[in-house]
Amino acid sequence: MNEDIIELDKKATRLGYELMALEDELDIIIEGIENAIDVGEKAELIRQKGKLECEIADIKDERYRLNERLINSF
């Protein structure tokens, strides 16, 4: 049981780091959208932004579930 808690905590921590990296990447893309002049470039950046936002939402959902499991394991 203790090993399960440690593994859940490690996974939640890893997801937290992934989330921070994706949010940083999203900020860069948003800045690129704001500075883009070419319509094609802007469209591609908007597509990337949408994809990242979905990934971020998925990670947040997974982190929430992991945290619930951690809380319930005590």
C-alpha atoms as a PDB file:
ATOM      1  CA  MET A   1       0.000   0.000   0.000  1.00  0.00           C
ATOM      2  CA  ASN A   2       2.809   2.394   0.893  1.00  0.00           C
ATOM      3  CA  GLU A   3       4.506   1.622  -2.437  1.00  0.00           C
ATOM      4  CA  ASP A   4       1.255   2.457  -4.251  1.00  0.00           C
ATOM      5  CA  ILE A   5       1.142   5.852  -2.559  1.00  0.00           C
ATOM      6  CA  ILE A   6       4.756   6.538  -3.504  1.00  0.00           C
ATOM      7  CA  GLU A   7       4.078   5.582  -7.133  1.00  0.00           C
ATOM      8  CA  LEU A   8       0.956   7.751  -7.266  1.00  0.00           C
ATOM      9  CA  ASP A   9       2.895  10.664  -5.817  1.00  0.00           C
ATOM     10  CA  LYS A  10       5.705  10.206  -8.361  1.00  0.00           C
ATOM     11  CA  LYS A  11       3.205  10.094 -11.202  1.00  0.00           C
ATOM     12  CA  ALA A  12       1.398  13.198  -9.949  1.00  0.00           C
ATOM     13  CA  THR A  13       4.725  15.028  -9.655  1.00  0.00           C
ATOM     14  CA  ARG A  14       5.746  14.001 -13.179  1.00  0.00           C
ATOM     15  CA  LEU A  15       2.395  15.185 -14.509  1.00  0.00           C
ATOM     16  CA  GLY A  16       2.902  18.479 -12.719  1.00  0.00           C
ATOM     17  CA  TYR A  17       6.214  18.999 -14.494  1.00  0.00           C
ATOM     18  CA  GLU A  18       4.673  18.038 -17.836  1.00  0.00           C
ATOM     19  CA  LEU A  19       1.856  20.480 -17.201  1.00  0.00           C
ATOM     20  CA  MET A  20       4.254  23.330 -16.451  1.00  0.00           C
ATOM     21  CA  ALA A  21       6.234  22.601 -19.624  1.00  0.00           C
ATOM     22  CA  LEU A  22       3.078  22.512 -21.749  1.00  0.00           C
ATOM     23  CA  GLU A  23       1.819  25.741 -20.221  1.00  0.00           C
ATOM     24  CA  ASP A  24       5.176  27.392 -21.022  1.00  0.00           C
ATOM     25  CA  GLU A  25       4.943  26.094 -24.587  1.00  0.00           C
ATOM     26  CA  LEU A  26       1.387  27.424 -24.806  1.00  0.00           C
ATOM     27  CA  ASP A  27       2.556  30.878 -23.707  1.00  0.00           C
ATOM     28  CA  ILE A  28       5.176  30.855 -26.478  1.00  0.00           C
ATOM     29  CA  ILE A  29       2.574  29.856 -29.062  1.00  0.00           C
ATOM     30  CA  ILE A  30       0.168  32.557 -27.897  1.00  0.00           C
ATOM     31  CA  GLU A  31       2.955  35.111 -28.213  1.00  0.00           C
ATOM     32  CA  GLY A  32       3.690  33.784 -31.696  1.00  0.00           C
ATOM     33  CA  ILE A  33       0.035  34.141 -32.669  1.00  0.00           C
ATOM     34  CA  GLU A  34       0.026  37.730 -31.472  1.00  0.00           C
ATOM     35  CA  ASN A  35       3.176  38.497 -33.481  1.00  0.00           C
ATOM     36  CA  ALA A  36       2.383  36.457 -36.610  1.00  0.00           C
ATOM     37  CA  ILE A  37       1.850  38.410 -39.793  1.00  0.00           C
ATOM     38  CA  ASP A  38       1.404  35.533 -42.245  1.00  0.00           C
ATOM     39  CA  VAL A  39      -2.163  34.153 -42.151  1.00  0.00           C
ATOM     40  CA  GLY A  40      -0.956  30.585 -42.757  1.00  0.00           C
ATOM     41  CA  GLU A  41       1.527  30.831 -39.908  1.00  0.00           C
ATOM     42  CA  LYS A  42      -1.145  32.238 -37.625  1.00  0.00           C
ATOM     43  CA  ALA A  43      -3.554  29.413 -38.545  1.00  0.00           C
ATOM     44  CA  GLU A  44      -0.906  26.768 -37.803  1.00  0.00           C
ATOM     45  CA  LEU A  45      -0.099  28.350 -34.439  1.00  0.00           C
ATOM     46  CA  ILE A  46      -3.798  28.470 -33.555  1.00  0.00           C
ATOM     47  CA  ARG A  47      -4.076  24.767 -34.417  1.00  0.00           C
ATOM     48  CA  GLN A  48      -1.067  24.007 -32.197  1.00  0.00           C
ATOM     49  CA  LYS A  49      -2.604  26.108 -29.426  1.00  0.00           C
ATOM     50  CA  GLY A  50      -5.820  24.086 -29.544  1.00  0.00           C
ATOM     51  CA  LYS A  51      -3.899  20.814 -29.454  1.00  0.00           C
ATOM     52  CA  LEU A  52      -1.853  21.977 -26.447  1.00  0.00           C
ATOM     53  CA  GLU A  53      -4.947  23.164 -24.622  1.00  0.00           C
ATOM     54  CA  CYS A  54      -6.444  19.668 -25.026  1.00  0.00           C
ATOM     55  CA  GLU A  55      -3.238  18.046 -23.738  1.00  0.00           C
ATOM     56  CA  ILE A  56      -3.194  20.412 -20.756  1.00  0.00           C
ATOM     57  CA  ALA A  57      -6.826  19.620 -19.945  1.00  0.00           C
ATOM     58  CA  ASP A  58      -6.109  15.868 -20.138  1.00  0.00           C
ATOM     59  CA  ILE A  59      -3.128  16.181 -17.791  1.00  0.00           C
ATOM     60  CA  LYS A  60      -5.115  18.299 -15.340  1.00  0.00           C
ATOM     61  CA  ASP A  61      -7.869  15.666 -15.333  1.00  0.00           C
ATOM     62  CA  GLU A  62      -5.357  12.878 -14.753  1.00  0.00           C
ATOM     63  CA  ARG A  63      -3.646  14.822 -11.960  1.00  0.00           C
ATOM     64  CA  TYR A  64      -7.019  15.427 -10.316  1.00  0.00           C
ATOM     65  CA  ARG A  65      -7.820  11.691 -10.420  1.00  0.00           C
ATOM     66  CA  LEU A  66      -4.373  10.827  -9.027  1.00  0.00           C
ATOM     67  CA  ASN A  67      -4.737  13.338  -6.227  1.00  0.00           C
ATOM     68  CA  GLU A  68      -8.156  11.901  -5.377  1.00  0.00           C
ATOM     69  CA  ARG A  69      -6.622   8.427  -5.216  1.00  0.00           C
ATOM     70  CA  LEU A  70      -3.815   9.733  -3.015  1.00  0.00           C
ATOM     71  CA  ILE A  71      -6.267  11.425  -0.641  1.00  0.00           C
ATOM     72  CA  ASN A  72      -8.466   8.340  -0.462  1.00  0.00           C
ATOM     73  CA  SER A  73      -5.490   6.089   0.263  1.00  0.00           C
ATOM     74  CA  PHE A  74      -4.948   7.648   3.691  1.00  0.00           C
END
